[in-house]
PDB file of N, CA and C in Angstrom:
ATOM      1  N   UNK A   1       0.989  -0.974   0.181  1.00  0.00           N
ATOM      2  CA  UNK A   1      -0.065   0.136   0.077  1.00  0.00           C
ATOM      3  C   UNK A   1       0.781   1.083   0.213  1.00  0.00           C
ATOM      4  N   UNK A   2       0.702   2.147  -0.690  1.00  0.00           N
ATOM      5  CA  UNK A   2       1.487   3.449  -0.754  1.00  0.00           C
ATOM      6  C   UNK A   2       1.373   4.698   0.122  1.00  0.00           C
ATOM      7  N   UNK A   3       2.002   5.250  -0.044  1.00  0.00           N
ATOM      8  CA  UNK A   3       1.771   6.193   1.973  1.00  0.00           C
ATOM      9  C   UNK A   3       0.524   6.862   1.855  1.00  0.00           C
ATOM     10  N   UNK A   4       0.038   7.455   0.694  1.00  0.00           N
ATOM     11  CA  UNK A   4      -1.114   8.386   0.410  1.00  0.00           C
ATOM     12  C   UNK A   4      -2.086   7.595   0.480  1.00  0.00           C
ATOM     13  N   UNK A   5      -2.394   6.371   0.140  1.00  0.00           N
ATOM     14  CA  UNK A   5      -3.211   4.915   0.947  1.00  0.00           C
ATOM     15  C   UNK A   5      -3.449   4.845   2.417  1.00  0.00           C
ATOM     16  N   UNK A   6      -2.035   4.794   2.554  1.00  0.00           N
ATOM     17  CA  UNK A   6      -2.071   4.268   4.219  1.00  0.00           C
ATOM     18  C   UNK A   6      -2.487   5.656   4.575  1.00  0.00           C
ATOM     19  N   UNK A   7      -1.957   6.703   4.785  1.00  0.00           N
ATOM     20  CA  UNK A   7      -2.682   8.073   5.028  1.00  0.00           C
ATOM     21  C   UNK A   7      -3.470   8.307   5.081  1.00  0.00           C
ATOM     22  N   UNK A   8      -4.454   8.103   4.191  1.00  0.00           N
ATOM     23  CA  UNK A   8      -6.008   8.137   3.783  1.00  0.00           C
ATOM     24  C   UNK A   8      -7.190   7.452   4.957  1.00  0.00           C
ATOM     25  N   UNK A   9      -6.799   5.936   5.032  1.00  0.00           N
ATOM     26  CA  UNK A   9      -6.920   5.378   5.432  1.00  0.00           C
ATOM     27  C   UNK A   9      -7.138   5.507   7.161  1.00  0.00           C
ATOM     28  N   UNK A  10      -5.609   5.836   7.688  1.00  0.00           N
ATOM     29  CA  UNK A  10      -5.687   6.660   8.647  1.00  0.00           C
ATOM     30  C   UNK A  10      -6.765   7.748   9.470  1.00  0.00           C
ATOM     31  N   UNK A  11      -6.369   8.435   8.459  1.00  0.00           N
ATOM     32  CA  UNK A  11      -7.765  10.021   8.305  1.00  0.00           C
ATOM     33  C   UNK A  11      -8.189   8.858   8.767  1.00  0.00           C
ATOM     34  N   UNK A  12      -9.050   8.718   8.086  1.00  0.00           N
ATOM     35  CA  UNK A  12     -10.314   8.351   8.294  1.00  0.00           C
ATOM     36  C   UNK A  12     -10.887   7.292   9.256  1.00  0.00           C
ATOM     37  N   UNK A  13      -9.581   6.057   9.337  1.00  0.00           N
ATOM     38  CA  UNK A  13     -10.194   5.762  11.356  1.00  0.00           C
ATOM     39  C   UNK A  13     -10.164   6.846  12.487  1.00  0.00           C
ATOM     40  N   UNK A  14      -9.230   8.349  12.040  1.00  0.00           N
ATOM     41  CA  UNK A  14      -8.955   8.785  12.631  1.00  0.00           C
ATOM     42  C   UNK A  14     -10.211  10.412  12.931  1.00  0.00           C
ATOM     43  N   UNK A  15     -10.912  10.314  11.778  1.00  0.00           N
ATOM     44  CA  UNK A  15     -12.140  10.789  11.956  1.00  0.00           C
ATOM     45  C   UNK A  15     -13.527   9.927  12.810  1.00  0.00           C
ATOM     46  N   UNK A  16     -13.299   8.868  12.731  1.00  0.00           N
ATOM     47  CA  UNK A  16     -14.384   8.090  13.048  1.00  0.00           C
ATOM     48  C   UNK A  16     -14.252   7.904  14.078  1.00  0.00           C
ATOM     49  N   UNK A  17     -13.409   7.357  14.818  1.00  0.00           N
ATOM     50  CA  UNK A  17     -12.459   7.501  16.443  1.00  0.00           C
ATOM     51  C   UNK A  17     -12.936   9.004  16.553  1.00  0.00           C
ATOM     52  N   UNK A  18     -12.778   9.965  16.175  1.00  0.00           N
ATOM     53  CA  UNK A  18     -12.772  12.140  16.932  1.00  0.00           C
ATOM     54  C   UNK A  18     -14.491  12.259  16.775  1.00  0.00           C
ATOM     55  N   UNK A  19     -15.302  10.958  15.856  1.00  0.00           N
ATOM     56  CA  UNK A  19     -16.482  11.352  16.183  1.00  0.00           C
ATOM     57  C   UNK A  19     -17.533  10.418  16.796  1.00  0.00           C
ATOM     58  N   UNK A  20     -16.781   9.825  17.423  1.00  0.00           N
ATOM     59  CA  UNK A  20     -17.298   8.719  18.999  1.00  0.00           C
ATOM     60  C   UNK A  20     -17.242   9.606  20.228  1.00  0.00           C
ATOM     61  N   UNK A  21     -15.978  10.466  20.049  1.00  0.00           N
ATOM     62  CA  UNK A  21     -15.832  10.873  21.288  1.00  0.00           C
ATOM     63  C   UNK A  21     -16.870  11.575  22.118  1.00  0.00           C
ATOM     64  N   UNK A  22     -17.261  12.705  22.740  1.00  0.00           N
ATOM     65  CA  UNK A  22     -18.370  13.408  23.233  1.00  0.00           C
ATOM     66  C   UNK A  22     -17.615  14.438  23.529  1.00  0.00           C
ATOM     67  N   UNK A  23     -18.250  15.685  22.668  1.00  0.00           N
ATOM     68  CA  UNK A  23     -17.650  17.076  22.235  1.00  0.00           C
ATOM     69  C   UNK A  23     -18.369  18.000  23.078  1.00  0.00           C
ATOM     70  N   UNK A  24     -18.069  19.156  23.966  1.00  0.00           N
ATOM     71  CA  UNK A  24     -19.165  19.811  24.447  1.00  0.00           C
ATOM     72  C   UNK A  24     -19.562  21.181  23.351  1.00  0.00           C
ATOM     73  N   UNK A  25     -18.034  21.353  22.368  1.00  0.00           N
ATOM     74  CA  UNK A  25     -18.314  21.879  20.767  1.00  0.00           C
ATOM     75  C   UNK A  25     -19.003  21.724  20.443  1.00  0.00           C
ATOM     76  N   UNK A  26     -19.809  20.451  20.103  1.00  0.00           N
ATOM     77  CA  UNK A  26     -20.429  20.151  19.162  1.00  0.00           C
ATOM     78  C   UNK A  26     -18.971  19.447  17.514  1.00  0.00           C
ATOM     79  N   UNK A  27     -17.898  19.197  18.338  1.00  0.00           N
ATOM     80  CA  UNK A  27     -17.273  18.617  17.352  1.00  0.00           C
ATOM     81  C   UNK A  27     -15.846  19.817  16.035  1.00  0.00           C
ATOM     82  N   UNK A  28     -16.461  20.856  16.062  1.00  0.00           N
ATOM     83  CA  UNK A  28     -16.611  22.028  15.278  1.00  0.00           C
ATOM     84  C   UNK A  28     -14.533  21.625  15.202  1.00  0.00           C
ATOM     85  N   UNK A  29     -13.569  21.931  16.484  1.00  0.00           N
ATOM     86  CA  UNK A  29     -12.409  22.066  16.021  1.00  0.00           C
ATOM     87  C   UNK A  29     -11.909  21.056  15.479  1.00  0.00           C
ATOM     88  N   UNK A  30     -12.612  19.729  16.191  1.00  0.00           N
ATOM     89  CA  UNK A  30     -12.469  18.297  15.349  1.00  0.00           C
ATOM     90  C   UNK A  30     -11.735  18.665  13.852  1.00  0.00           C
ATOM     91  N   UNK A  31     -13.018  18.545  13.148  1.00  0.00           N
ATOM     92  CA  UNK A  31     -13.486  19.301  12.031  1.00  0.00           C
ATOM     93  C   UNK A  31     -12.633  19.907  11.672  1.00  0.00           C
ATOM     94  N   UNK A  32     -12.109  21.062  12.053  1.00  0.00           N
ATOM     95  CA  UNK A  32     -11.440  22.108  11.242  1.00  0.00           C
ATOM     96  C   UNK A  32      -9.652  21.257  11.424  1.00  0.00           C
ATOM     97  N   UNK A  33      -9.389  20.404  11.978  1.00  0.00           N
ATOM     98  CA  UNK A  33      -7.915  19.422  12.410  1.00  0.00           C
ATOM     99  C   UNK A  33      -7.979  18.557  11.652  1.00  0.00           C
ATOM    100  N   UNK A  34      -9.479  18.026  11.338  1.00  0.00           N
ATOM    101  CA  UNK A  34      -9.403  17.104  10.056  1.00  0.00           C
ATOM    102  C   UNK A  34      -9.450  17.564   8.422  1.00  0.00           C
ATOM    103  N   UNK A  35      -9.813  18.789   8.393  1.00  0.00           N
ATOM    104  CA  UNK A  35     -10.054  19.265   7.074  1.00  0.00           C
ATOM    105  C   UNK A  35      -8.698  19.648   6.247  1.00  0.00           C
ATOM    106  N   UNK A  36      -7.782  20.557   7.721  1.00  0.00           N
ATOM    107  CA  UNK A  36      -6.215  21.013   7.301  1.00  0.00           C
ATOM    108  C   UNK A  36      -5.647  19.711   6.687  1.00  0.00           C
ATOM    109  N   UNK A  37      -5.740  18.578   7.895  1.00  0.00           N
ATOM    110  CA  UNK A  37      -4.673  17.632   7.338  1.00  0.00           C
ATOM    111  C   UNK A  37      -5.182  16.755   6.350  1.00  0.00           C
ATOM    112  N   UNK A  38      -6.883  16.477   6.436  1.00  0.00           N
ATOM    113  CA  UNK A  38      -7.042  15.868   5.239  1.00  0.00           C
ATOM    114  C   UNK A  38      -6.710  15.979   3.240  1.00  0.00           C
ATOM    115  N   UNK A  39      -6.557  17.586   3.023  1.00  0.00           N
ATOM    116  CA  UNK A  39      -6.784  18.198   1.998  1.00  0.00           C
ATOM    117  C   UNK A  39      -5.002  17.792   1.892  1.00  0.00           C
ATOM    118  N   UNK A  40      -4.167  18.339   1.823  1.00  0.00           N
ATOM    119  CA  UNK A  40      -2.642  17.034   1.682  1.00  0.00           C
ATOM    120  C   UNK A  40      -2.388  16.302   1.608  1.00  0.00           C
ATOM    121  N   UNK A  41      -3.552  15.318   2.483  1.00  0.00           N
ATOM    122  CA  UNK A  41      -3.717  13.912   2.058  1.00  0.00           C
ATOM    123  C   UNK A  41      -4.059  13.758   0.290  1.00  0.00           C
ATOM    124  N   UNK A  42      -5.122  14.341   0.456  1.00  0.00           N
ATOM    125  CA  UNK A  42      -6.410  13.944  -0.373  1.00  0.00           C
ATOM    126  C   UNK A  42      -5.332  14.358  -2.070  1.00  0.00           C
ATOM    127  N   UNK A  43      -4.783  15.362  -1.450  1.00  0.00           N
ATOM    128  CA  UNK A  43      -3.842  15.871  -2.679  1.00  0.00           C
ATOM    129  C   UNK A  43      -2.609  15.190  -3.182  1.00  0.00           C
ATOM    130  N   UNK A  44      -2.364  14.633  -2.088  1.00  0.00           N
ATOM    131  CA  UNK A  44      -1.074  13.256  -2.088  1.00  0.00           C
ATOM    132  C   UNK A  44      -1.499  12.271  -3.025  1.00  0.00           C
ATOM    133  N   UNK A  45      -3.064  11.648  -2.514  1.00  0.00           N
ATOM    134  CA  UNK A  45      -3.439  10.797  -3.300  1.00  0.00           C
ATOM    135  C   UNK A  45      -3.928  10.805  -4.463  1.00  0.00           C
ATOM    136  N   UNK A  46      -4.210  12.027  -4.826  1.00  0.00           N
ATOM    137  CA  UNK A  46      -4.141  12.357  -6.807  1.00  0.00           C
ATOM    138  C   UNK A  46      -2.604  12.769  -7.049  1.00  0.00           C
ATOM    139  N   UNK A  47      -1.812  12.987  -7.054  1.00  0.00           N
ATOM    140  CA  UNK A  47      -0.831  12.917  -7.477  1.00  0.00           C
ATOM    141  C   UNK A  47      -0.183  11.473  -7.451  1.00  0.00           C
ATOM    142  N   UNK A  48      -0.473  10.524  -6.499  1.00  0.00           N
ATOM    143  CA  UNK A  48      -0.082   9.108  -6.766  1.00  0.00           C
ATOM    144  C   UNK A  48      -1.001   8.501  -7.398  1.00  0.00           C
ATOM    145  N   UNK A  49      -1.582   8.681  -7.194  1.00  0.00           N
ATOM    146  CA  UNK A  49      -3.065   7.253  -7.721  1.00  0.00           C
ATOM    147  C   UNK A  49      -3.868   8.166  -9.173  1.00  0.00           C
ATOM    148  N   UNK A  50      -4.269   9.477  -9.286  1.00  0.00           N
ATOM    149  CA  UNK A  50      -4.944  10.090 -10.203  1.00  0.00           C
ATOM    150  C   UNK A  50      -6.096  10.875  -9.722  1.00  0.00           C
ATOM    151  N   UNK A  51      -6.851  10.758 -10.639  1.00  0.00           N
ATOM    152  CA  UNK A  51      -7.961  11.520 -10.114  1.00  0.00           C
ATOM    153  C   UNK A  51      -9.672  10.998  -9.744  1.00  0.00           C
ATOM    154  N   UNK A  52      -9.228   9.728 -10.737  1.00  0.00           N
ATOM    155  CA  UNK A  52     -10.565   8.531  -9.933  1.00  0.00           C
ATOM    156  C   UNK A  52     -10.587   8.223  -8.321  1.00  0.00           C
ATOM    157  N   UNK A  53      -9.172   7.895  -7.879  1.00  0.00           N
ATOM    158  CA  UNK A  53      -9.052   7.451  -6.736  1.00  0.00           C
ATOM    159  C   UNK A  53      -8.913   8.580  -5.307  1.00  0.00           C
ATOM    160  N   UNK A  54      -8.960   9.812  -6.585  1.00  0.00           N
ATOM    161  CA  UNK A  54      -8.652  11.209  -5.341  1.00  0.00           C
ATOM    162  C   UNK A  54     -10.371  11.504  -5.459  1.00  0.00           C
ATOM    163  N   UNK A  55     -11.610  11.523  -6.840  1.00  0.00           N
ATOM    164  CA  UNK A  55     -12.492  11.794  -6.607  1.00  0.00           C
ATOM    165  C   UNK A  55     -13.155  10.783  -5.308  1.00  0.00           C
ATOM    166  N   UNK A  56     -13.292   9.675  -5.079  1.00  0.00           N
ATOM    167  CA  UNK A  56     -13.324   8.373  -4.420  1.00  0.00           C
ATOM    168  C   UNK A  56     -12.829   8.885  -2.845  1.00  0.00           C
ATOM    169  N   UNK A  57     -11.809   9.012  -2.356  1.00  0.00           N
ATOM    170  CA  UNK A  57     -11.839   9.463  -0.935  1.00  0.00           C
ATOM    171  C   UNK A  57     -11.929  10.854  -1.054  1.00  0.00           C
ATOM    172  N   UNK A  58     -12.457  11.706  -1.932  1.00  0.00           N
ATOM    173  CA  UNK A  58     -12.890  13.302  -1.916  1.00  0.00           C
ATOM    174  C   UNK A  58     -13.999  12.761  -0.982  1.00  0.00           C
ATOM    175  N   UNK A  59     -15.344  11.501  -1.887  1.00  0.00           N
ATOM    176  CA  UNK A  59     -16.587  11.861  -1.781  1.00  0.00           C
ATOM    177  C   UNK A  59     -16.279  11.094  -0.284  1.00  0.00           C
ATOM    178  N   UNK A  60     -15.062   9.959   0.584  1.00  0.00           N
ATOM    179  CA  UNK A  60     -15.797   9.810   1.478  1.00  0.00           C
ATOM    180  C   UNK A  60     -15.418  10.496   2.132  1.00  0.00           C
ATOM    181  N   UNK A  61     -14.156  11.518   2.197  1.00  0.00           N
ATOM    182  CA  UNK A  61     -14.399  12.710   3.159  1.00  0.00           C
ATOM    183  C   UNK A  61     -15.352  13.563   3.604  1.00  0.00           C
ATOM    184  N   UNK A  62     -16.336  13.665   2.275  1.00  0.00           N
ATOM    185  CA  UNK A  62     -17.548  14.411   2.389  1.00  0.00           C
ATOM    186  C   UNK A  62     -18.191  14.272   3.249  1.00  0.00           C
ATOM    187  N   UNK A  63     -18.510  13.059   2.956  1.00  0.00           N
ATOM    188  CA  UNK A  63     -19.464  11.864   4.299  1.00  0.00           C
ATOM    189  C   UNK A  63     -19.510  11.948   5.300  1.00  0.00           C
ATOM    190  N   UNK A  64     -17.751  12.104   5.739  1.00  0.00           N
ATOM    191  CA  UNK A  64     -17.569  12.188   7.329  1.00  0.00           C
ATOM    192  C   UNK A  64     -18.053  13.057   7.650  1.00  0.00           C
ATOM    193  N   UNK A  65     -18.086  14.216   6.918  1.00  0.00           N
ATOM    194  CA  UNK A  65     -18.010  15.917   6.976  1.00  0.00           C
ATOM    195  C   UNK A  65     -18.772  16.622   6.559  1.00  0.00           C
ATOM    196  N   UNK A  66     -19.602  15.734   6.440  1.00  0.00           N
ATOM    197  CA  UNK A  66     -20.901  16.301   5.911  1.00  0.00           C
ATOM    198  C   UNK A  66     -21.642  17.890   6.780  1.00  0.00           C
ATOM    199  N   UNK A  67     -21.318  17.808   7.631  1.00  0.00           N
ATOM    200  CA  UNK A  67     -22.474  19.090   8.205  1.00  0.00           C
ATOM    201  C   UNK A  67     -21.426  20.739   8.219  1.00  0.00           C
ATOM    202  N   UNK A  68     -19.610  20.441   7.976  1.00  0.00           N
ATOM    203  CA  UNK A  68     -19.333  21.557   7.326  1.00  0.00           C
ATOM    204  C   UNK A  68     -19.830  22.171   5.983  1.00  0.00           C
ATOM    205  N   UNK A  69     -19.556  21.507   5.282  1.00  0.00           N
ATOM    206  CA  UNK A  69     -20.382  21.343   4.030  1.00  0.00           C
ATOM    207  C   UNK A  69     -21.784  21.730   3.609  1.00  0.00           C
ATOM    208  N   UNK A  70     -22.025  21.116   4.660  1.00  0.00           N
ATOM    209  CA  UNK A  70     -23.902  21.677   4.402  1.00  0.00           C
ATOM    210  C   UNK A  70     -23.959  23.140   4.819  1.00  0.00           C
ATOM    211  N   UNK A  71     -23.045  23.424   5.872  1.00  0.00           N
ATOM    212  CA  UNK A  71     -22.935  25.017   6.316  1.00  0.00           C
ATOM    213  C   UNK A  71     -22.414  25.512   5.483  1.00  0.00           C
ATOM    214  N   UNK A  72     -21.011  25.322   4.784  1.00  0.00           N
ATOM    215  CA  UNK A  72     -20.348  26.241   3.496  1.00  0.00           C
ATOM    216  C   UNK A  72     -21.422  26.399   2.763  1.00  0.00           C
ATOM    217  N   UNK A  73     -22.465  25.621   2.214  1.00  0.00           N
ATOM    218  CA  UNK A  73     -23.459  25.657   1.150  1.00  0.00           C
ATOM    219  C   UNK A  73     -24.358  26.766   1.874  1.00  0.00           C
ATOM    220  N   UNK A  74     -24.533  26.438   2.646  1.00  0.00           N
ATOM    221  CA  UNK A  74     -25.912  27.808   3.215  1.00  0.00           C
ATOM    222  C   UNK A  74     -24.850  28.885   3.034  1.00  0.00           C
ATOM    223  N   UNK A  75     -24.370  29.390   3.447  1.00  0.00           N
ATOM    224  CA  UNK A  75     -23.573  30.092   3.284  1.00  0.00           C
ATOM    225  C   UNK A  75     -23.153  31.550   1.929  1.00  0.00           C
ATOM    226  N   UNK A  76     -23.125  30.025   1.394  1.00  0.00           N
ATOM    227  CA  UNK A  76     -22.701  30.727  -0.627  1.00  0.00           C
ATOM    228  C   UNK A  76     -23.990  30.651  -0.654  1.00  0.00           C
ATOM    229  N   UNK A  77     -24.701  30.252  -0.320  1.00  0.00           N
ATOM    230  CA  UNK A  77     -26.394  30.513  -1.053  1.00  0.00           C
ATOM    231  C   UNK A  77     -26.953  31.589   0.041  1.00  0.00           C
ATOM    232  N   UNK A  78     -26.391  31.948   0.659  1.00  0.00           N
ATOM    233  CA  UNK A  78     -26.614  33.633   1.082  1.00  0.00           C
ATOM    234  C   UNK A  78     -26.749  34.818   0.526  1.00  0.00           C
ATOM    235  N   UNK A  79     -25.117  34.386   0.668  1.00  0.00           N
ATOM    236  CA  UNK A  79     -23.984  35.918  -0.084  1.00  0.00           C
ATOM    237  C   UNK A  79     -24.428  35.552  -1.536  1.00  0.00           C
ATOM    238  N   UNK A  80     -24.817  34.178  -2.181  1.00  0.00           N
ATOM    239  CA  UNK A  80     -25.402  34.638  -3.447  1.00  0.00           C
ATOM    240  C   UNK A  80     -26.669  35.479  -3.362  1.00  0.00           C
ATOM    241  N   UNK A  81     -27.544  35.674  -2.709  1.00  0.00           N
ATOM    242  CA  UNK A  81     -28.904  35.845  -2.456  1.00  0.00           C
ATOM    243  C   UNK A  81     -29.719  35.220  -2.716  1.00  0.00           C
ATOM    244  N   UNK A  82     -29.576  33.428  -2.714  1.00  0.00           N
ATOM    245  CA  UNK A  82     -30.483  32.917  -2.499  1.00  0.00           C
ATOM    246  C   UNK A  82     -31.068  31.738  -1.358  1.00  0.00           C
ATOM    247  N   UNK A  83     -30.849  32.684  -0.571  1.00  0.00           N
ATOM    248  CA  UNK A  83     -30.664  31.942   0.974  1.00  0.00           C
ATOM    249  C   UNK A  83     -31.768  32.586   1.556  1.00  0.00           C
TER     250      UNK A  83
END
């Protein structure tokens, strides 16, 4: 297994462990850390394995971090005047 695939698997395991831990601040600090760590890993996956594997990892990460994406979509819609 390549380094990028190993790091992506480790990121997914860590994300699931963090989601199971109780949090008073609704997991937002963990989400920010996962996003910051996940972007370079995604770039490495795309570099080593190509765009299709990168899109697959991106889809998995989007399913794990769905609430930050929902809030981002709502914020963009509000800024564009559609919300």
